[in-house]
C-alpha atoms as a PDB file:
ATOM      1  CA  UNK A   1      85.769  56.951 107.307  1.00  0.00           C
ATOM      2  CA  UNK A   2      83.869  58.796 104.575  1.00  0.00           C
ATOM      3  CA  UNK A   3      86.367  57.755 101.885  1.00  0.00           C
ATOM      4  CA  UNK A   4      85.991  54.119 102.874  1.00  0.00           C
ATOM      5  CA  UNK A   5      82.205  54.283 102.533  1.00  0.00           C
ATOM      6  CA  UNK A   6      82.472  55.964  99.141  1.00  0.00           C
ATOM      7  CA  UNK A   7      84.919  53.289  97.960  1.00  0.00           C
ATOM      8  CA  UNK A   8      82.809  50.431  99.386  1.00  0.00           C
ATOM      9  CA  UNK A   9      79.465  51.719  98.046  1.00  0.00           C
ATOM     10  CA  UNK A  10      79.549  49.767  94.716  1.00  0.00           C
ATOM     11  CA  UNK A  11      80.270  46.545  96.592  1.00  0.00           C
ATOM     12  CA  UNK A  12      77.518  47.214  99.106  1.00  0.00           C
ATOM     13  CA  UNK A  13      75.004  47.987  96.333  1.00  0.00           C
ATOM     14  CA  UNK A  14      75.930  44.805  94.486  1.00  0.00           C
ATOM     15  CA  UNK A  15      75.604  42.714  97.625  1.00  0.00           C
ATOM     16  CA  UNK A  16      72.227  44.303  98.406  1.00  0.00           C
ATOM     17  CA  UNK A  17      70.971  43.519  94.875  1.00  0.00           C
ATOM     18  CA  UNK A  18      72.148  39.923  95.139  1.00  0.00           C
ATOM     19  CA  UNK A  19      70.558  39.580  98.573  1.00  0.00           C
ATOM     20  CA  UNK A  20      67.234  40.812  97.173  1.00  0.00           C
ATOM     21  CA  UNK A  21      67.334  38.229  94.379  1.00  0.00           C
ATOM     22  CA  UNK A  22      68.320  40.574  91.554  1.00  0.00           C
ATOM     23  CA  UNK A  23      71.263  39.571  89.394  1.00  0.00           C
ATOM     24  CA  UNK A  24      72.686  42.659  87.638  1.00  0.00           C
ATOM     25  CA  UNK A  25      73.864  41.903  84.126  1.00  0.00           C
ATOM     26  CA  UNK A  26      72.141  38.514  83.914  1.00  0.00           C
ATOM     27  CA  UNK A  27      70.045  39.498  80.892  1.00  0.00           C
ATOM     28  CA  UNK A  28      73.081  40.906  79.116  1.00  0.00           C
ATOM     29  CA  UNK A  29      75.078  37.740  79.790  1.00  0.00           C
ATOM     30  CA  UNK A  30      72.227  35.582  78.452  1.00  0.00           C
ATOM     31  CA  UNK A  31      71.957  37.684  75.267  1.00  0.00           C
ATOM     32  CA  UNK A  32      75.722  37.396  74.709  1.00  0.00           C
ATOM     33  CA  UNK A  33      75.622  33.627  75.270  1.00  0.00           C
ATOM     34  CA  UNK A  34      72.788  33.254  72.750  1.00  0.00           C
ATOM     35  CA  UNK A  35      74.648  35.396  70.225  1.00  0.00           C
ATOM     36  CA  UNK A  36      77.824  33.327  70.550  1.00  0.00           C
ATOM     37  CA  UNK A  37      75.866  30.071  70.324  1.00  0.00           C
ATOM     38  CA  UNK A  38      74.099  31.263  67.165  1.00  0.00           C
ATOM     39  CA  UNK A  39      77.399  32.331  65.633  1.00  0.00           C
ATOM     40  CA  UNK A  40      78.942  28.958  66.466  1.00  0.00           C
ATOM     41  CA  UNK A  41      76.002  27.054  64.943  1.00  0.00           C
ATOM     42  CA  UNK A  42      76.111  29.205  61.824  1.00  0.00           C
ATOM     43  CA  UNK A  43      79.868  28.986  61.319  1.00  0.00           C
ATOM     44  CA  UNK A  44      80.362  25.337  62.218  1.00  0.00           C
ATOM     45  CA  UNK A  45      81.531  23.238  59.313  1.00  0.00           C
ATOM     46  CA  UNK A  46      82.594  19.631  59.593  1.00  0.00           C
ATOM     47  CA  UNK A  47      86.353  19.935  59.726  1.00  0.00           C
ATOM     48  CA  UNK A  48      89.079  17.535  60.605  1.00  0.00           C
ATOM     49  CA  UNK A  49      90.573  19.931  63.100  1.00  0.00           C
ATOM     50  CA  UNK A  50      92.732  18.443  65.792  1.00  0.00           C
ATOM     51  CA  UNK A  51      94.514  20.089  68.654  1.00  0.00           C
ATOM     52  CA  UNK A  52      98.238  20.357  67.883  1.00  0.00           C
ATOM     53  CA  UNK A  53     100.512  18.141  69.910  1.00  0.00           C
ATOM     54  CA  UNK A  54     103.126  19.854  72.052  1.00  0.00           C
ATOM     55  CA  UNK A  55     106.650  19.457  70.714  1.00  0.00           C
ATOM     56  CA  UNK A  56     108.829  16.783  72.271  1.00  0.00           C
ATOM     57  CA  UNK A  57     111.499  18.418  74.412  1.00  0.00           C
ATOM     58  CA  UNK A  58     114.885  16.763  74.106  1.00  0.00           C
ATOM     59  CA  UNK A  59     117.057  19.404  75.780  1.00  0.00           C
ATOM     60  CA  UNK A  60     116.523  21.052  79.170  1.00  0.00           C
ATOM     61  CA  UNK A  61     114.759  24.417  79.085  1.00  0.00           C
ATOM     62  CA  UNK A  62     113.860  27.077  81.610  1.00  0.00           C
ATOM     63  CA  UNK A  63     114.185  26.144  85.261  1.00  0.00           C
ATOM     64  CA  UNK A  64     115.686  22.732  84.530  1.00  0.00           C
ATOM     65  CA  UNK A  65     118.460  24.355  82.491  1.00  0.00           C
ATOM     66  CA  UNK A  66     119.245  26.732  85.355  1.00  0.00           C
ATOM     67  CA  UNK A  67     119.129  23.892  87.893  1.00  0.00           C
ATOM     68  CA  UNK A  68     121.508  21.776  85.849  1.00  0.00           C
ATOM     69  CA  UNK A  69     123.834  24.742  85.381  1.00  0.00           C
ATOM     70  CA  UNK A  70     123.946  25.470  89.115  1.00  0.00           C
ATOM     71  CA  UNK A  71     124.154  21.835  90.251  1.00  0.00           C
ATOM     72  CA  UNK A  72     127.269  20.865  92.185  1.00  0.00           C
ATOM     73  CA  UNK A  73     128.654  17.534  93.163  1.00  0.00           C
ATOM     74  CA  UNK A  74     127.680  16.583  96.723  1.00  0.00           C
ATOM     75  CA  UNK A  75     130.423  16.069  99.331  1.00  0.00           C
ATOM     76  CA  UNK A  76     131.860  12.541  99.564  1.00  0.00           C
ATOM     77  CA  UNK A  77     130.324  10.176 102.085  1.00  0.00           C
ATOM     78  CA  UNK A  78     132.235   9.774 105.348  1.00  0.00           C
ATOM     79  CA  UNK A  79     133.728   6.307 105.600  1.00  0.00           C
END
């Protein structure tokens, strides 16, 4: 029982802080967000960047290739 309480103590402390209206790490997260936003504003240059299009697949790959390799002809219909 003692090992369980020792292992659960960080979770219980976090839940108690959240219950009391404290959000641990909130200030750090806000500082990081501001730093990334400033870096993005500073480094943004008008570019004609477009997301690359995925290649067109003409042959079966992966699971479809295995499925086609293992496929068998179904039994004939009974007349």
